[in-house]
N, C-alpha and C. Protein backbone atom coordinates (compact mmCIF):
# COMPACT_ATOMS: atom_id res chain seq x y z
N MET A 1 -1.19 -19.59 20.18
CA MET A 1 -2.60 -19.42 20.48
C MET A 1 -3.39 -19.55 19.18
N ASN A 2 -4.35 -20.45 19.14
CA ASN A 2 -5.15 -20.68 17.95
C ASN A 2 -6.31 -19.70 17.91
N HIS A 3 -6.54 -19.12 16.74
CA HIS A 3 -7.63 -18.17 16.55
C HIS A 3 -8.80 -18.92 15.93
N ASP A 4 -9.95 -18.85 16.58
CA ASP A 4 -11.16 -19.48 16.05
C ASP A 4 -11.60 -18.66 14.84
N PRO A 5 -11.65 -19.24 13.64
CA PRO A 5 -11.97 -18.45 12.45
C PRO A 5 -13.38 -17.87 12.47
N ILE A 6 -14.25 -18.42 13.26
CA ILE A 6 -15.63 -17.95 13.30
C ILE A 6 -15.87 -16.95 14.42
N GLN A 7 -14.84 -16.71 15.24
CA GLN A 7 -14.98 -15.82 16.40
C GLN A 7 -15.36 -14.40 15.98
N ASP A 8 -14.82 -13.92 14.86
CA ASP A 8 -15.16 -12.57 14.39
C ASP A 8 -16.66 -12.48 14.10
N LEU A 9 -17.23 -13.54 13.55
CA LEU A 9 -18.67 -13.54 13.27
C LEU A 9 -19.47 -13.57 14.57
N ARG A 10 -19.00 -14.31 15.55
CA ARG A 10 -19.69 -14.34 16.85
C ARG A 10 -19.68 -12.95 17.49
N ASP A 11 -18.54 -12.27 17.41
CA ASP A 11 -18.43 -10.93 17.98
C ASP A 11 -19.37 -9.96 17.26
N ALA A 12 -19.41 -10.05 15.94
CA ALA A 12 -20.29 -9.17 15.17
C ALA A 12 -21.75 -9.45 15.49
N LEU A 13 -22.09 -10.71 15.68
CA LEU A 13 -23.47 -11.10 15.97
C LEU A 13 -23.95 -10.51 17.29
N LEU A 14 -23.06 -10.31 18.25
CA LEU A 14 -23.46 -9.72 19.53
C LEU A 14 -23.84 -8.25 19.37
N ARG A 15 -23.26 -7.58 18.37
CA ARG A 15 -23.53 -6.14 18.18
C ARG A 15 -24.66 -5.88 17.20
N ARG A 16 -24.80 -6.75 16.18
CA ARG A 16 -25.75 -6.48 15.10
C ARG A 16 -26.04 -7.77 14.35
N PRO A 17 -27.10 -7.78 13.53
CA PRO A 17 -27.33 -8.97 12.68
C PRO A 17 -26.21 -9.07 11.63
N LEU A 18 -25.92 -10.28 11.18
CA LEU A 18 -24.84 -10.49 10.21
C LEU A 18 -25.24 -9.97 8.84
N THR A 19 -24.24 -9.47 8.10
CA THR A 19 -24.47 -9.02 6.73
C THR A 19 -24.55 -10.23 5.81
N ALA A 20 -24.91 -10.00 4.55
CA ALA A 20 -25.04 -11.11 3.59
C ALA A 20 -23.70 -11.81 3.39
N GLY A 21 -22.63 -11.05 3.29
CA GLY A 21 -21.30 -11.64 3.12
C GLY A 21 -20.90 -12.46 4.32
N GLU A 22 -21.21 -11.97 5.51
CA GLU A 22 -20.87 -12.71 6.72
C GLU A 22 -21.70 -13.98 6.82
N GLN A 23 -22.97 -13.90 6.40
CA GLN A 23 -23.81 -15.08 6.43
C GLN A 23 -23.29 -16.14 5.45
N ALA A 24 -22.79 -15.70 4.30
CA ALA A 24 -22.22 -16.64 3.33
C ALA A 24 -20.97 -17.31 3.91
N ARG A 25 -20.13 -16.52 4.56
CA ARG A 25 -18.93 -17.07 5.20
C ARG A 25 -19.31 -18.09 6.29
N LEU A 26 -20.37 -17.76 7.06
CA LEU A 26 -20.84 -18.65 8.11
C LEU A 26 -21.37 -19.96 7.52
N ALA A 27 -22.16 -19.86 6.45
CA ALA A 27 -22.72 -21.06 5.82
C ALA A 27 -21.60 -21.97 5.31
N HIS A 28 -20.59 -21.37 4.72
CA HIS A 28 -19.43 -22.15 4.24
C HIS A 28 -18.74 -22.84 5.42
N TRP A 29 -18.56 -22.12 6.50
CA TRP A 29 -17.87 -22.68 7.67
C TRP A 29 -18.70 -23.81 8.29
N LEU A 30 -20.03 -23.63 8.34
CA LEU A 30 -20.90 -24.66 8.93
C LEU A 30 -20.93 -25.91 8.06
N ARG A 31 -20.79 -25.76 6.73
CA ARG A 31 -20.71 -26.94 5.86
C ARG A 31 -19.44 -27.74 6.16
N GLU A 32 -18.37 -27.03 6.48
CA GLU A 32 -17.11 -27.70 6.79
C GLU A 32 -17.10 -28.27 8.21
N HIS A 33 -17.88 -27.66 9.14
CA HIS A 33 -17.90 -28.09 10.54
C HIS A 33 -19.36 -28.30 10.98
N PRO A 34 -20.01 -29.37 10.51
CA PRO A 34 -21.43 -29.56 10.85
C PRO A 34 -21.67 -29.80 12.34
N ALA A 35 -20.66 -30.25 13.06
CA ALA A 35 -20.83 -30.51 14.49
C ALA A 35 -21.00 -29.21 15.27
N GLU A 36 -20.58 -28.09 14.69
CA GLU A 36 -20.67 -26.80 15.38
C GLU A 36 -22.01 -26.09 15.13
N ALA A 37 -22.89 -26.67 14.33
CA ALA A 37 -24.16 -26.01 13.98
C ALA A 37 -25.02 -25.74 15.21
N GLU A 38 -25.12 -26.71 16.10
CA GLU A 38 -25.95 -26.53 17.30
C GLU A 38 -25.38 -25.43 18.19
N SER A 39 -24.07 -25.41 18.36
CA SER A 39 -23.42 -24.37 19.16
C SER A 39 -23.68 -22.99 18.54
N TRP A 40 -23.63 -22.92 17.22
CA TRP A 40 -23.87 -21.64 16.55
C TRP A 40 -25.31 -21.19 16.76
N ARG A 41 -26.27 -22.10 16.68
CA ARG A 41 -27.68 -21.73 16.89
C ARG A 41 -27.88 -21.19 18.30
N GLU A 42 -27.21 -21.78 19.29
CA GLU A 42 -27.30 -21.30 20.67
C GLU A 42 -26.72 -19.89 20.78
N ASP A 43 -25.55 -19.67 20.16
CA ASP A 43 -24.94 -18.33 20.18
C ASP A 43 -25.84 -17.31 19.52
N GLU A 44 -26.48 -17.72 18.43
CA GLU A 44 -27.35 -16.81 17.68
C GLU A 44 -28.56 -16.40 18.51
N SER A 45 -29.21 -17.37 19.19
CA SER A 45 -30.39 -17.03 20.00
C SER A 45 -29.98 -16.19 21.22
N LEU A 46 -28.82 -16.46 21.82
CA LEU A 46 -28.34 -15.66 22.94
C LEU A 46 -28.05 -14.23 22.49
N ALA A 47 -27.40 -14.06 21.35
CA ALA A 47 -27.08 -12.73 20.85
C ALA A 47 -28.36 -11.95 20.54
N ARG A 48 -29.35 -12.61 19.96
CA ARG A 48 -30.62 -11.95 19.64
C ARG A 48 -31.28 -11.46 20.92
N ALA A 49 -31.26 -12.30 21.96
CA ALA A 49 -31.86 -11.92 23.25
C ALA A 49 -31.10 -10.76 23.88
N LEU A 50 -29.78 -10.79 23.82
CA LEU A 50 -28.98 -9.70 24.41
C LEU A 50 -29.19 -8.38 23.68
N ARG A 51 -29.35 -8.43 22.35
CA ARG A 51 -29.57 -7.19 21.59
C ARG A 51 -30.93 -6.57 21.92
N GLN A 52 -31.88 -7.36 22.38
CA GLN A 52 -33.22 -6.85 22.70
C GLN A 52 -33.27 -6.18 24.07
N LEU A 53 -32.27 -6.43 24.91
CA LEU A 53 -32.25 -5.81 26.24
C LEU A 53 -32.00 -4.30 26.11
N PRO A 54 -32.59 -3.49 26.98
CA PRO A 54 -32.33 -2.04 26.92
C PRO A 54 -30.91 -1.74 27.41
N ALA A 55 -30.35 -0.65 26.91
CA ALA A 55 -29.01 -0.24 27.33
C ALA A 55 -29.04 0.15 28.80
N PRO A 56 -28.03 -0.23 29.57
CA PRO A 56 -28.04 0.13 30.99
C PRO A 56 -27.84 1.64 31.14
N PRO A 57 -28.50 2.26 32.10
CA PRO A 57 -28.38 3.71 32.28
C PRO A 57 -27.02 4.07 32.88
N VAL A 58 -26.50 5.23 32.46
CA VAL A 58 -25.25 5.72 33.02
C VAL A 58 -25.57 6.44 34.31
N PRO A 59 -24.83 6.16 35.39
CA PRO A 59 -25.12 6.83 36.66
C PRO A 59 -24.98 8.35 36.50
N ALA A 60 -25.84 9.09 37.16
CA ALA A 60 -25.88 10.54 37.03
C ALA A 60 -24.55 11.21 37.42
N PRO A 61 -23.92 10.85 38.53
CA PRO A 61 -22.70 11.56 38.89
C PRO A 61 -21.46 11.06 38.12
N PHE A 62 -21.64 10.10 37.23
CA PHE A 62 -20.50 9.51 36.53
C PHE A 62 -19.73 10.56 35.73
N THR A 63 -20.44 11.32 34.90
CA THR A 63 -19.77 12.33 34.07
C THR A 63 -19.09 13.37 34.93
N ALA A 64 -19.75 13.80 35.96
CA ALA A 64 -19.16 14.81 36.85
C ALA A 64 -17.91 14.27 37.52
N GLN A 65 -17.92 13.01 37.93
CA GLN A 65 -16.75 12.41 38.56
C GLN A 65 -15.59 12.30 37.57
N VAL A 66 -15.90 11.93 36.36
CA VAL A 66 -14.84 11.82 35.34
C VAL A 66 -14.22 13.18 35.08
N MET A 67 -15.04 14.21 34.91
CA MET A 67 -14.53 15.56 34.65
C MET A 67 -13.71 16.07 35.84
N ALA A 68 -14.14 15.77 37.07
CA ALA A 68 -13.39 16.20 38.25
C ALA A 68 -12.02 15.52 38.29
N GLU A 69 -11.95 14.27 37.95
CA GLU A 69 -10.68 13.55 37.92
C GLU A 69 -9.75 14.13 36.85
N ILE A 70 -10.29 14.48 35.70
CA ILE A 70 -9.48 15.09 34.63
C ILE A 70 -8.90 16.41 35.10
N ARG A 71 -9.75 17.25 35.73
CA ARG A 71 -9.26 18.54 36.22
C ARG A 71 -8.18 18.36 37.28
N ARG A 72 -8.36 17.38 38.17
CA ARG A 72 -7.38 17.12 39.22
C ARG A 72 -6.04 16.71 38.62
N GLU A 73 -6.05 15.81 37.63
CA GLU A 73 -4.81 15.38 36.99
C GLU A 73 -4.13 16.53 36.25
N GLU A 74 -4.92 17.37 35.60
CA GLU A 74 -4.34 18.52 34.89
C GLU A 74 -3.68 19.50 35.86
N SER A 75 -4.33 19.75 36.98
CA SER A 75 -3.74 20.69 37.94
C SER A 75 -2.46 20.12 38.54
N GLN A 76 -2.41 18.82 38.79
CA GLN A 76 -1.18 18.21 39.29
C GLN A 76 -0.06 18.31 38.26
N ARG A 77 -0.39 18.12 37.00
CA ARG A 77 0.62 18.20 35.95
C ARG A 77 1.15 19.63 35.83
N HIS A 78 0.25 20.61 35.93
CA HIS A 78 0.67 22.01 35.83
C HIS A 78 1.56 22.40 37.02
N ARG A 79 1.26 21.85 38.18
CA ARG A 79 2.10 22.17 39.34
C ARG A 79 3.50 21.58 39.20
N ARG A 80 3.60 20.42 38.58
CA ARG A 80 4.91 19.78 38.42
C ARG A 80 5.78 20.51 37.40
N GLU A 81 5.19 21.05 36.36
CA GLU A 81 5.95 21.73 35.31
C GLU A 81 5.76 23.24 35.45
N SER A 82 6.84 23.94 35.51
CA SER A 82 6.72 25.40 35.52
C SER A 82 6.44 25.85 34.09
N PRO A 83 5.65 26.90 33.92
CA PRO A 83 5.30 27.35 32.57
C PRO A 83 6.52 27.75 31.75
N ARG A 84 7.51 28.37 32.40
CA ARG A 84 8.68 28.81 31.66
C ARG A 84 9.45 27.61 31.11
N ARG A 85 9.66 26.60 31.96
CA ARG A 85 10.41 25.41 31.52
C ARG A 85 9.62 24.64 30.45
N ALA A 86 8.32 24.54 30.62
CA ALA A 86 7.51 23.82 29.64
C ALA A 86 7.57 24.51 28.29
N GLY A 87 7.49 25.84 28.27
CA GLY A 87 7.57 26.58 27.01
C GLY A 87 8.92 26.41 26.34
N PHE A 88 9.99 26.44 27.14
CA PHE A 88 11.33 26.26 26.61
C PHE A 88 11.46 24.88 25.97
N TRP A 89 11.00 23.84 26.68
CA TRP A 89 11.12 22.48 26.17
C TRP A 89 10.27 22.28 24.92
N THR A 90 9.08 22.87 24.91
CA THR A 90 8.21 22.75 23.74
C THR A 90 8.87 23.39 22.52
N ALA A 91 9.51 24.55 22.72
CA ALA A 91 10.18 25.20 21.58
C ALA A 91 11.31 24.31 21.07
N TRP A 92 12.09 23.74 21.98
CA TRP A 92 13.18 22.85 21.55
C TRP A 92 12.64 21.62 20.84
N GLN A 93 11.54 21.09 21.34
CA GLN A 93 10.94 19.93 20.68
C GLN A 93 10.52 20.27 19.26
N ARG A 94 9.97 21.44 19.05
CA ARG A 94 9.56 21.86 17.71
C ARG A 94 10.77 21.97 16.79
N TRP A 95 11.85 22.60 17.28
CA TRP A 95 13.04 22.76 16.45
C TRP A 95 13.67 21.40 16.13
N ILE A 96 13.70 20.53 17.12
CA ILE A 96 14.28 19.19 16.89
C ILE A 96 13.43 18.42 15.87
N SER A 97 12.12 18.50 16.01
CA SER A 97 11.23 17.82 15.06
C SER A 97 11.41 18.37 13.66
N LEU A 98 11.50 19.70 13.57
CA LEU A 98 11.69 20.34 12.26
C LEU A 98 13.03 19.93 11.64
N ALA A 99 14.08 19.90 12.44
CA ALA A 99 15.39 19.50 11.94
C ALA A 99 15.38 18.03 11.49
N ALA A 100 14.72 17.17 12.27
CA ALA A 100 14.64 15.75 11.89
C ALA A 100 13.87 15.59 10.59
N ALA A 101 12.79 16.33 10.45
CA ALA A 101 12.01 16.25 9.21
C ALA A 101 12.84 16.74 8.02
N ALA A 102 13.60 17.81 8.22
CA ALA A 102 14.45 18.32 7.14
C ALA A 102 15.52 17.31 6.77
N LEU A 103 16.09 16.64 7.77
CA LEU A 103 17.11 15.62 7.50
C LEU A 103 16.52 14.46 6.70
N VAL A 104 15.35 14.02 7.08
CA VAL A 104 14.70 12.92 6.37
C VAL A 104 14.40 13.33 4.93
N LEU A 105 13.91 14.55 4.75
CA LEU A 105 13.63 15.05 3.40
C LEU A 105 14.90 15.14 2.57
N LEU A 106 15.96 15.65 3.15
CA LEU A 106 17.24 15.76 2.45
C LEU A 106 17.77 14.38 2.06
N ALA A 107 17.67 13.42 2.97
CA ALA A 107 18.13 12.06 2.66
C ALA A 107 17.30 11.45 1.54
N ALA A 108 16.00 11.66 1.56
CA ALA A 108 15.14 11.12 0.51
C ALA A 108 15.47 11.74 -0.84
N ILE A 109 15.68 13.04 -0.87
CA ILE A 109 16.03 13.71 -2.14
C ILE A 109 17.38 13.22 -2.64
N THR A 110 18.34 13.03 -1.75
CA THR A 110 19.67 12.54 -2.15
C THR A 110 19.57 11.14 -2.75
N VAL A 111 18.81 10.27 -2.11
CA VAL A 111 18.65 8.91 -2.61
C VAL A 111 17.97 8.92 -3.97
N MET A 112 16.94 9.73 -4.12
CA MET A 112 16.24 9.80 -5.40
C MET A 112 17.17 10.32 -6.49
N GLU A 113 17.96 11.33 -6.18
CA GLU A 113 18.88 11.89 -7.17
C GLU A 113 19.95 10.87 -7.56
N GLN A 114 20.46 10.10 -6.60
CA GLN A 114 21.44 9.07 -6.92
C GLN A 114 20.85 7.98 -7.81
N ARG A 115 19.62 7.59 -7.51
CA ARG A 115 18.97 6.58 -8.35
C ARG A 115 18.76 7.09 -9.76
N ARG A 116 18.34 8.36 -9.89
CA ARG A 116 18.13 8.94 -11.22
C ARG A 116 19.45 9.01 -11.97
N SER A 117 20.50 9.40 -11.28
CA SER A 117 21.82 9.51 -11.90
C SER A 117 22.30 8.14 -12.37
N ARG A 118 22.09 7.11 -11.55
CA ARG A 118 22.49 5.76 -11.96
C ARG A 118 21.68 5.30 -13.15
N ALA A 119 20.39 5.59 -13.16
CA ALA A 119 19.53 5.19 -14.28
C ALA A 119 19.97 5.90 -15.56
N ASP A 120 20.31 7.19 -15.47
CA ASP A 120 20.79 7.93 -16.64
C ASP A 120 22.10 7.34 -17.16
N ALA A 121 23.00 7.00 -16.25
CA ALA A 121 24.29 6.42 -16.66
C ALA A 121 24.07 5.06 -17.32
N GLU A 122 23.18 4.26 -16.79
CA GLU A 122 22.89 2.96 -17.38
C GLU A 122 22.27 3.12 -18.76
N PHE A 123 21.37 4.06 -18.91
CA PHE A 123 20.75 4.32 -20.21
C PHE A 123 21.80 4.76 -21.22
N ALA A 124 22.70 5.66 -20.82
CA ALA A 124 23.76 6.13 -21.72
C ALA A 124 24.67 4.98 -22.12
N ARG A 125 24.96 4.08 -21.17
CA ARG A 125 25.82 2.94 -21.49
C ARG A 125 25.13 2.02 -22.49
N GLN A 126 23.83 1.83 -22.36
CA GLN A 126 23.10 0.94 -23.26
C GLN A 126 22.93 1.55 -24.65
N VAL A 127 22.82 2.86 -24.73
CA VAL A 127 22.56 3.53 -26.00
C VAL A 127 23.85 3.87 -26.75
N SER A 128 24.97 3.90 -26.08
CA SER A 128 26.22 4.32 -26.72
C SER A 128 26.59 3.50 -27.95
N PRO A 129 26.33 2.18 -28.03
CA PRO A 129 26.66 1.47 -29.27
C PRO A 129 25.86 1.96 -30.47
N LEU A 130 24.75 2.61 -30.25
CA LEU A 130 23.93 3.11 -31.36
C LEU A 130 24.31 4.51 -31.79
N ARG A 131 25.35 5.06 -31.20
CA ARG A 131 25.78 6.43 -31.49
C ARG A 131 26.13 6.60 -32.96
N PHE A 132 26.69 5.58 -33.58
CA PHE A 132 27.13 5.71 -34.97
C PHE A 132 25.97 5.95 -35.92
N ILE A 133 24.74 5.53 -35.56
CA ILE A 133 23.59 5.73 -36.45
C ILE A 133 23.31 7.21 -36.63
N ALA A 134 23.47 7.99 -35.57
CA ALA A 134 23.22 9.42 -35.67
C ALA A 134 24.27 10.10 -36.54
N GLU A 135 25.46 9.52 -36.64
CA GLU A 135 26.54 10.13 -37.41
C GLU A 135 26.51 9.71 -38.88
N MET A 136 25.62 8.81 -39.27
CA MET A 136 25.54 8.34 -40.66
C MET A 136 24.94 9.41 -41.56
N PRO A 137 25.33 9.43 -42.84
CA PRO A 137 24.70 10.37 -43.79
C PRO A 137 23.20 10.06 -43.90
N SER A 138 22.41 11.05 -44.18
CA SER A 138 20.96 10.89 -44.16
C SER A 138 20.44 9.95 -45.23
N GLY A 139 21.05 9.85 -46.38
CA GLY A 139 20.54 9.00 -47.45
C GLY A 139 21.05 7.58 -47.39
N LEU A 140 21.86 7.23 -46.43
CA LEU A 140 22.48 5.92 -46.37
C LEU A 140 21.46 4.80 -46.19
N LEU A 141 20.48 5.02 -45.39
CA LEU A 141 19.49 3.99 -45.10
C LEU A 141 18.23 4.13 -45.94
N GLN A 142 18.28 4.93 -46.97
CA GLN A 142 17.09 5.22 -47.80
C GLN A 142 16.54 3.95 -48.43
N ASP A 143 17.37 3.08 -48.98
CA ASP A 143 16.91 1.86 -49.65
C ASP A 143 17.16 0.63 -48.80
N PHE A 144 17.18 0.76 -47.49
CA PHE A 144 17.50 -0.35 -46.59
C PHE A 144 16.52 -1.51 -46.73
N ASP A 145 15.21 -1.21 -46.80
CA ASP A 145 14.21 -2.28 -46.91
C ASP A 145 14.37 -3.07 -48.20
N ALA A 146 14.60 -2.38 -49.30
CA ALA A 146 14.76 -3.07 -50.57
C ALA A 146 16.01 -3.93 -50.56
N ILE A 147 17.09 -3.42 -50.00
CA ILE A 147 18.33 -4.18 -49.94
C ILE A 147 18.15 -5.39 -49.04
N GLN A 148 17.44 -5.24 -47.97
CA GLN A 148 17.23 -6.36 -47.04
C GLN A 148 16.40 -7.45 -47.71
N ARG A 149 15.43 -7.08 -48.51
CA ARG A 149 14.60 -8.07 -49.19
C ARG A 149 15.39 -8.90 -50.19
N PHE A 150 16.45 -8.37 -50.75
CA PHE A 150 17.27 -9.13 -51.68
C PHE A 150 17.88 -10.35 -51.01
N GLY A 151 18.24 -10.23 -49.75
CA GLY A 151 18.86 -11.35 -49.06
C GLY A 151 17.86 -12.43 -48.69
N GLU A 152 16.59 -12.10 -48.60
CA GLU A 152 15.58 -13.07 -48.19
C GLU A 152 15.23 -14.03 -49.32
N ASN A 153 14.81 -13.52 -50.44
CA ASN A 153 14.41 -14.35 -51.61
C ASN A 153 15.22 -13.88 -52.82
N PRO A 154 16.34 -14.53 -53.07
CA PRO A 154 17.14 -14.09 -54.22
C PRO A 154 16.35 -14.30 -55.52
N PRO A 155 16.50 -13.38 -56.48
CA PRO A 155 15.77 -13.54 -57.76
C PRO A 155 16.29 -14.77 -58.51
N PRO A 156 15.48 -15.36 -59.36
CA PRO A 156 15.94 -16.53 -60.12
C PRO A 156 17.08 -16.13 -61.07
N VAL A 157 17.99 -17.03 -61.28
CA VAL A 157 19.15 -16.76 -62.12
C VAL A 157 18.73 -16.90 -63.59
N ASP A 158 19.04 -15.90 -64.39
CA ASP A 158 18.74 -15.91 -65.83
C ASP A 158 20.00 -16.42 -66.53
N PHE A 159 20.02 -17.72 -66.79
CA PHE A 159 21.21 -18.33 -67.37
C PHE A 159 21.47 -17.86 -68.80
N GLU A 160 20.44 -17.54 -69.60
CA GLU A 160 20.62 -17.05 -70.97
C GLU A 160 21.33 -15.70 -70.93
N LEU A 161 20.92 -14.81 -70.04
CA LEU A 161 21.57 -13.50 -69.92
C LEU A 161 22.99 -13.65 -69.46
N LEU A 162 23.22 -14.57 -68.56
CA LEU A 162 24.57 -14.81 -68.04
C LEU A 162 25.47 -15.34 -69.16
N ALA A 163 24.96 -16.23 -69.98
CA ALA A 163 25.74 -16.78 -71.09
C ALA A 163 26.03 -15.69 -72.11
N ALA A 164 25.06 -14.82 -72.34
CA ALA A 164 25.27 -13.76 -73.32
C ALA A 164 26.31 -12.77 -72.85
N LEU A 165 26.37 -12.53 -71.56
CA LEU A 165 27.35 -11.59 -71.03
C LEU A 165 28.77 -12.18 -71.02
N GLN A 166 28.90 -13.46 -71.05
CA GLN A 166 30.24 -14.07 -71.03
C GLN A 166 30.68 -14.21 -72.42
């Protein structure tokens, strides 16, 4: 079943004037479908005329008839169910609902705890190779930056000093 993309705007137009956003959407749609412009103008004038009509009056006995039907259905329902049995079933329904809710909560907590436990184990596995850093003496890495810089740009060789030392 194909849905007319402009049908929502037609429905809204029957109840109220279109908002600015709806009018922009309509203008875009009419630019894409210029053949539908005349049909839209007819719908617009019909909707305007229908909105100007007064609301039809509700018949006077309508509310009374509806309320009488509700009372009749309620009395039939009460006759079918004895109060004792209805109370018993309602209590069981409450306990069953409470037990189901507790089961769902317990399952959710269990799943969350398992995920947390797996995440902790994965973190410990990833961090374990770095364990030796904590066991190193505190002054071992004191000159690490200076030592690292030596490997980047070696100092120029002093051949005179080297010759003198040999």
